[in-house]
Protein backbone atom coordinates (compact mmCIF):
# COMPACT_ATOMS: atom_id res chain seq x y z
CA MET A 1 132.99 32.32 -135.53
CA LYS A 2 133.95 32.62 -131.83
CA VAL A 3 132.83 30.20 -128.68
CA VAL A 4 134.07 30.87 -125.27
CA PHE A 5 134.39 28.37 -122.76
CA VAL A 6 134.49 28.78 -119.14
CA THR A 7 135.86 26.15 -116.86
CA ALA A 8 134.33 25.61 -113.64
CA ASP A 9 137.24 27.99 -112.46
CA GLY A 10 136.76 30.24 -114.41
CA ASP A 11 139.13 30.53 -116.47
CA ARG A 12 137.93 32.07 -120.33
CA LYS A 13 139.13 29.92 -123.58
CA GLU A 14 138.19 31.44 -126.70
CA VAL A 15 138.09 29.19 -129.45
CA GLN A 16 137.37 29.35 -132.80
CA ALA A 17 134.71 27.46 -135.21
CA ARG A 18 132.52 26.95 -138.35
CA ALA A 19 129.10 27.17 -138.44
CA GLY A 20 127.23 23.24 -137.97
CA THR A 21 130.37 22.33 -135.68
CA ASN A 22 129.35 20.23 -133.08
CA LEU A 23 129.39 21.83 -129.33
CA LEU A 24 130.26 18.32 -128.20
CA ALA A 25 133.40 17.94 -130.58
CA LEU A 26 134.25 21.72 -130.09
CA GLY A 27 134.66 20.81 -126.65
CA GLN A 28 136.55 17.88 -126.35
CA ALA A 29 139.07 19.23 -129.66
CA SER A 30 139.71 21.84 -127.25
CA GLY A 31 140.63 20.23 -123.94
CA MET A 32 137.45 20.92 -122.05
CA PRO A 33 135.67 18.39 -119.53
CA LEU A 34 133.61 16.87 -121.65
CA GLU A 35 132.99 13.10 -121.70
CA GLY A 36 130.76 12.52 -123.75
CA THR A 37 130.16 8.70 -123.48
CA CYS A 38 127.31 7.66 -125.40
CA GLU A 39 129.38 9.50 -128.50
CA GLY A 40 126.22 12.29 -129.33
CA GLN A 41 123.71 9.21 -128.77
CA MET A 42 121.39 11.27 -126.10
CA ALA A 43 121.89 8.24 -124.17
CA CYS A 44 124.01 9.78 -121.50
CA SER A 45 124.46 13.21 -120.20
CA THR A 46 128.39 13.30 -119.30
CA CYS A 47 128.78 16.34 -122.15
CA HIS A 48 126.39 18.39 -119.91
CA VAL A 49 127.02 21.85 -119.98
CA VAL A 50 125.12 25.52 -118.95
CA ILE A 51 124.44 27.74 -121.44
CA GLY A 52 125.49 31.34 -120.88
CA LYS A 53 122.07 33.27 -119.90
CA ASP A 54 122.13 36.25 -123.10
CA TRP A 55 122.66 33.21 -125.67
CA PHE A 56 120.43 30.56 -124.26
CA SER A 57 117.11 31.99 -126.15
CA LYS A 58 118.89 31.37 -129.10
CA LEU A 59 119.23 27.87 -129.25
CA GLU A 60 116.99 25.41 -130.29
CA ALA A 61 114.28 24.03 -127.71
CA ALA A 62 115.56 21.00 -126.50
CA SER A 63 113.49 17.69 -126.80
CA GLU A 64 111.92 15.72 -124.75
CA GLU A 65 114.47 13.17 -125.15
CA GLU A 66 117.17 15.33 -123.90
CA GLU A 67 115.19 16.90 -121.13
CA ASP A 68 115.21 13.80 -120.04
CA MET A 69 118.82 12.93 -120.33
CA LEU A 70 119.52 16.06 -118.32
CA ASP A 71 117.29 15.13 -115.07
CA LEU A 72 120.45 12.36 -114.73
CA ALA A 73 123.13 14.74 -114.63
CA ALA A 74 124.08 16.80 -111.08
CA GLY A 75 124.46 20.29 -111.32
CA VAL A 76 121.53 21.18 -113.75
CA THR A 77 120.18 24.95 -113.98
CA ALA A 78 117.78 26.00 -116.41
CA HIS A 79 120.17 27.16 -118.49
CA SER A 80 121.94 23.00 -119.26
CA ARG A 81 121.66 21.55 -122.28
CA LEU A 82 123.84 18.68 -123.88
CA SER A 83 126.72 19.82 -125.73
CA CYS A 84 126.00 16.58 -128.72
CA GLN A 85 122.63 18.28 -129.07
CA ILE A 86 124.03 22.01 -130.50
CA ASP A 87 125.09 22.69 -133.75
CA LEU A 88 126.54 25.83 -134.14
CA SER A 89 125.35 28.80 -135.67
CA ASP A 90 126.43 32.08 -136.91
CA ASN A 91 123.82 33.43 -134.58
CA LEU A 92 125.95 31.68 -131.94
CA ASP A 93 128.73 33.96 -133.03
CA GLY A 94 130.35 34.57 -129.08
CA ILE A 95 128.27 31.90 -127.50
CA GLU A 96 129.27 31.17 -124.03
CA VAL A 97 129.76 28.12 -122.66
CA HIS A 98 129.79 27.21 -119.21
CA MET A 99 131.58 23.84 -117.78
CA PRO A 100 129.60 22.48 -114.63
CA GLY A 101 131.52 21.77 -111.69
CA LEU A 102 131.14 18.68 -110.84
CA TRP A 103 129.61 15.84 -113.24
CA HIS A 104 127.64 11.98 -112.19
CA ASP A 105 125.88 10.17 -114.97
CA MET A 106 123.08 7.69 -113.44
CA GLN A 107 122.97 5.70 -117.04
CA ILE A 108 126.85 4.45 -115.93
CA GLY A 109 126.78 4.34 -112.58
């Protein structure tokens, strides 16, 4: 399956992945600026991404805990998610994932 990462500068990078791959891990392996300070434990917001609007509704709904962490992220939009909480599935083939232009995680200062 294909994942399209879009940098804050608008550069596009297509990456191949397998279903079940975690989006944070894929982004990090692909050189995207996803810190993931808490290593996917949903205790920070340094893996915040913005999902392309045509893809957002195909994701499982965010948990209340994820929504709480997103409240700490800078540049949050209606299509923001934590990449650590997204495991890719076949119906997400071609998903577009935007890197925010800035980030701030109030949990770490």
